[in-house]
Structures are given as structure tokens and as C-alpha cells.
């Protein structure tokens, strides 16, 4: 059931979850434990290969919030889903979206809301197209992506033309 706030929901498990842009402190405090807590398959899906704990720690320390946007869904036990946006050019016209998630019963609702926030946030930066890698477990995201704009699937990725959808940034969330 949705609450009255755009960045907070009550999930079916009756716990409250919130959505936010991760701060520099969050990249140190929340993100490493989230990525380190992913199983082998989830790490492989997010990073494209098997990655060590040390590699994940270095990756999180090296993220620059001037060059990327990191959005997360936070529950009582920490991060549940993370979306990263990385520009493919200095103008942010195109950006790559990376998704990582822990198993949850509210997956579609959580991922759908984060995708919407990611599109609005990308639109505020001038992004017109998102490139989304599609592994075997992400094919169900196509329905959500098609709700945002025209989608072209090429190989193992989808290219989403955000058009006017990204400019509806009244509900977007900013950096804390």
C-alpha cells in the first residue's frame, strides 16, 4: 500500500521502505555491505563477472557522485535494491543504468519505483536515452521500461528513449 510520501512505501511485509539518492556517506556506510551481501549470481549480474570482496570495496570507494547517480531502496535491514546511473558522455545525453537487488517479495513495485526515479533524475541531467543490460533475470524489466518510452532490444541490452517521460521530474529525488 502506497503512503502519502513519494519516497516512502509500506511493503506487503508491513515494513516501511524508503527510496533515496545515496550520499557520499552512504557510499561508504551502506553500499559496500549491500554489494558484499549479494550472492555469486547477483554479483555476476551487476558487475558482468565474478568479483572479489576487495574489488567491491575498491569500486564503492571509487564511485564519484559528480560522475554517477546512485539510488537505493532502504528497508529495516539496509539496502534492498540499488540503481546506478553512469553517463556515456560528458553531456549525460545517454546513460547506462545498472541494477542490483536482493531477493524480495515486492520486487516489481520496488524496482518499478526506482526505475521511475532513475528516469526522472537522469532527465534532470539532460539524459534522453538509457542503456539497460538485460541478463536472464532482467527480461521481466522490459514491461516496466516500455512504460517509460520506446524500447529497442539489441543483444543483451535495452535502449530506452525516455523522451518527455524523463522531463517529468517533479517527483525526482535530489542528492541529500
Protein backbone atom coordinates (compact mmCIF):
# COMPACT_ATOMS: atom_id res chain seq x y z
CA UNK A 1 0.00 0.00 0.00
CA UNK A 2 1.45 3.34 -1.01
CA UNK A 3 1.83 6.00 1.67
CA UNK A 4 1.36 9.70 1.04
CA UNK A 5 5.08 10.33 0.50
CA UNK A 6 6.66 9.79 -2.93
CA UNK A 7 9.82 8.35 -1.42
CA UNK A 8 8.32 6.04 1.22
CA UNK A 9 6.10 2.97 0.95
CA UNK A 10 4.73 0.28 3.17
CA UNK A 11 5.61 -3.00 1.53
CA UNK A 12 3.45 -6.12 1.72
CA UNK A 13 5.61 -7.39 4.57
CA UNK A 14 4.26 -4.43 6.60
CA UNK A 15 7.71 -2.88 6.95
CA UNK A 16 8.39 0.60 5.69
CA UNK A 17 10.88 1.08 2.90
CA UNK A 18 12.23 4.35 1.56
CA UNK A 19 13.84 5.48 -1.67
CA UNK A 20 16.71 7.90 -1.81
CA UNK A 21 19.72 9.16 -3.70
CA UNK A 22 22.74 7.80 -1.88
CA UNK A 23 25.12 10.36 -0.40
CA UNK A 24 28.90 10.13 -0.22
CA UNK A 25 28.50 8.82 3.35
CA UNK A 26 26.05 6.16 2.11
CA UNK A 27 28.64 5.01 -0.44
CA UNK A 28 30.94 4.26 2.49
CA UNK A 29 28.41 3.04 5.05
CA UNK A 30 25.63 1.29 3.11
CA UNK A 31 26.77 0.38 -0.40
CA UNK A 32 29.76 -1.89 0.36
CA UNK A 33 27.78 -4.11 2.73
CA UNK A 34 24.95 -4.31 0.18
CA UNK A 35 27.22 -5.41 -2.67
CA UNK A 36 29.24 -7.70 -0.40
CA UNK A 37 25.98 -9.32 0.73
CA UNK A 38 24.99 -10.29 -2.83
CA UNK A 39 25.38 -13.92 -3.78
CA UNK A 40 27.62 -15.05 -6.65
CA UNK A 41 24.88 -14.82 -9.30
CA UNK A 42 23.72 -11.36 -8.21
CA UNK A 43 27.31 -10.07 -8.18
CA UNK A 44 27.86 -11.51 -11.64
CA UNK A 45 24.62 -9.92 -12.89
CA UNK A 46 25.59 -6.50 -11.54
CA UNK A 47 29.29 -6.41 -12.43
CA UNK A 48 29.30 -8.67 -15.50
CA UNK A 49 31.72 -11.14 -13.94
CA UNK A 50 32.73 -12.69 -10.66
CA UNK A 51 34.18 -10.03 -8.35
CA UNK A 52 36.10 -10.34 -5.11
CA UNK A 53 35.26 -8.61 -1.85
CA UNK A 54 38.33 -6.39 -2.29
CA UNK A 55 37.22 -5.38 -5.79
CA UNK A 56 33.79 -4.43 -4.49
CA UNK A 57 35.28 -2.37 -1.66
CA UNK A 58 37.57 -0.52 -4.11
CA UNK A 59 34.66 0.02 -6.51
CA UNK A 60 32.48 1.60 -3.80
CA UNK A 61 35.33 3.85 -2.59
CA UNK A 62 35.96 4.96 -6.17
CA UNK A 63 32.40 5.98 -7.03
CA UNK A 64 32.22 9.71 -7.70
CA UNK A 65 28.79 11.27 -7.23
CA UNK A 66 29.78 14.05 -9.63
CA UNK A 67 30.09 11.38 -12.34
CA UNK A 68 27.31 8.98 -11.31
CA UNK A 69 23.96 8.83 -9.53
CA UNK A 70 23.25 6.03 -7.08
CA UNK A 71 19.66 5.45 -5.98
CA UNK A 72 18.58 2.93 -3.40
CA UNK A 73 15.63 1.34 -1.69
CA UNK A 74 16.30 1.07 2.03
CA UNK A 75 14.46 -1.25 4.40
CA UNK A 76 14.93 -2.01 8.09
CA UNK A 77 17.93 -4.26 7.33
CA UNK A 78 19.64 -1.87 4.91
CA UNK A 79 19.66 -1.55 1.12
CA UNK A 80 17.36 -3.86 -0.83
CA UNK A 81 17.79 -2.59 -4.41
CA UNK A 82 20.35 -0.22 -5.92
CA UNK A 83 20.31 1.50 -9.29
CA UNK A 84 23.38 3.29 -10.59
CA UNK A 85 23.31 5.76 -13.46
CA UNK A 86 26.57 6.37 -15.31
CA UNK A 87 26.76 8.88 -18.19
CA UNK A 88 28.02 7.60 -21.51
CA UNK A 89 29.17 11.12 -22.44
CA UNK A 90 30.02 14.33 -20.63
CA UNK A 91 26.61 15.77 -21.57
CA UNK A 92 24.61 12.92 -19.97
CA UNK A 93 22.61 12.61 -23.21
CA UNK A 94 22.87 8.82 -22.88
CA UNK A 95 23.41 6.95 -19.62
CA UNK A 96 23.87 3.36 -18.57
CA UNK A 97 21.64 2.02 -15.83
CA UNK A 98 22.96 -0.76 -13.59
CA UNK A 99 20.64 -2.66 -11.24
CA UNK A 100 21.49 -4.85 -8.25
CA UNK A 101 18.99 -6.40 -5.90
CA UNK A 102 18.48 -8.75 -3.02
CA UNK A 103 15.51 -11.14 -3.20
CA UNK A 104 12.25 -9.51 -2.09
CA UNK A 105 8.57 -10.30 -2.45
CA UNK A 106 7.88 -6.71 -3.58
CA UNK A 107 10.43 -6.77 -6.40
CA UNK A 108 8.30 -5.32 -9.21
CA UNK A 109 6.95 -2.47 -7.07
CA UNK A 110 10.39 -1.59 -5.70
CA UNK A 111 12.26 -1.86 -8.99
CA UNK A 112 9.46 -0.03 -10.83
CA UNK A 113 9.58 2.89 -8.41
CA UNK A 114 13.38 3.08 -8.53
CA UNK A 115 13.34 2.94 -12.34
CA UNK A 116 10.90 5.84 -12.37
CA UNK A 117 13.07 7.86 -10.00
CA UNK A 118 16.14 7.00 -12.09
CA UNK A 119 14.43 8.21 -15.27
CA UNK A 120 13.37 11.49 -13.65
CA UNK A 121 16.83 12.02 -12.15
CA UNK A 122 18.50 11.23 -15.48
CA UNK A 123 16.12 13.64 -17.22
CA UNK A 124 17.14 16.44 -14.86
CA UNK A 125 20.73 15.88 -16.02
CA UNK A 126 19.72 16.05 -19.69
CA UNK A 127 19.55 12.33 -20.39
CA UNK A 128 17.35 11.24 -23.31
CA UNK A 129 18.27 7.55 -23.53
CA UNK A 130 19.06 4.84 -21.01
CA UNK A 131 21.03 1.72 -21.82
CA UNK A 132 19.99 -1.17 -19.57
CA UNK A 133 21.84 -4.50 -19.56
CA UNK A 134 19.41 -7.43 -19.65
CA UNK A 135 20.55 -10.67 -18.14
CA UNK A 136 18.24 -13.70 -18.00
CA UNK A 137 16.67 -12.47 -14.74
CA UNK A 138 16.10 -8.92 -16.01
CA UNK A 139 13.96 -9.72 -19.04
CA UNK A 140 10.84 -9.03 -16.94
CA UNK A 141 12.02 -5.42 -16.67
CA UNK A 142 11.05 -4.85 -20.29
CA UNK A 143 7.42 -4.21 -19.32
CA UNK A 144 8.49 -1.56 -16.82
CA UNK A 145 10.90 0.01 -19.30
CA UNK A 146 8.26 0.08 -22.05
CA UNK A 147 6.11 2.16 -19.73
CA UNK A 148 8.81 4.86 -19.84
CA UNK A 149 9.28 5.09 -23.57
CA UNK A 150 10.18 3.29 -26.76
CA UNK A 151 12.46 0.32 -26.08
CA UNK A 152 14.83 -1.34 -28.54
CA UNK A 153 16.47 -4.57 -27.50
CA UNK A 154 19.88 -5.17 -29.02
CA UNK A 155 21.68 -8.29 -27.88
CA UNK A 156 21.84 -8.33 -24.10
CA UNK A 157 20.75 -4.74 -23.53
CA UNK A 158 17.76 -2.49 -23.98
CA UNK A 159 17.91 1.13 -25.13
CA UNK A 160 15.07 3.22 -23.71
CA UNK A 161 14.14 6.50 -25.41
CA UNK A 162 12.89 8.50 -22.44
CA UNK A 163 11.51 11.42 -24.43
CA UNK A 164 9.08 13.50 -22.41
CA UNK A 165 8.94 10.91 -19.62
CA UNK A 166 12.33 11.98 -18.26
CA UNK A 167 11.28 15.59 -18.15
CA UNK A 168 8.52 14.85 -15.64
CA UNK A 169 10.98 15.43 -12.83
CA UNK A 170 8.51 16.82 -10.32
CA UNK A 171 8.74 13.55 -8.40
CA UNK A 172 12.51 13.09 -8.72
CA UNK A 173 14.75 13.00 -5.73
CA UNK A 174 17.90 15.02 -5.38
CA UNK A 175 21.21 14.45 -3.71
CA UNK A 176 20.96 14.99 0.05
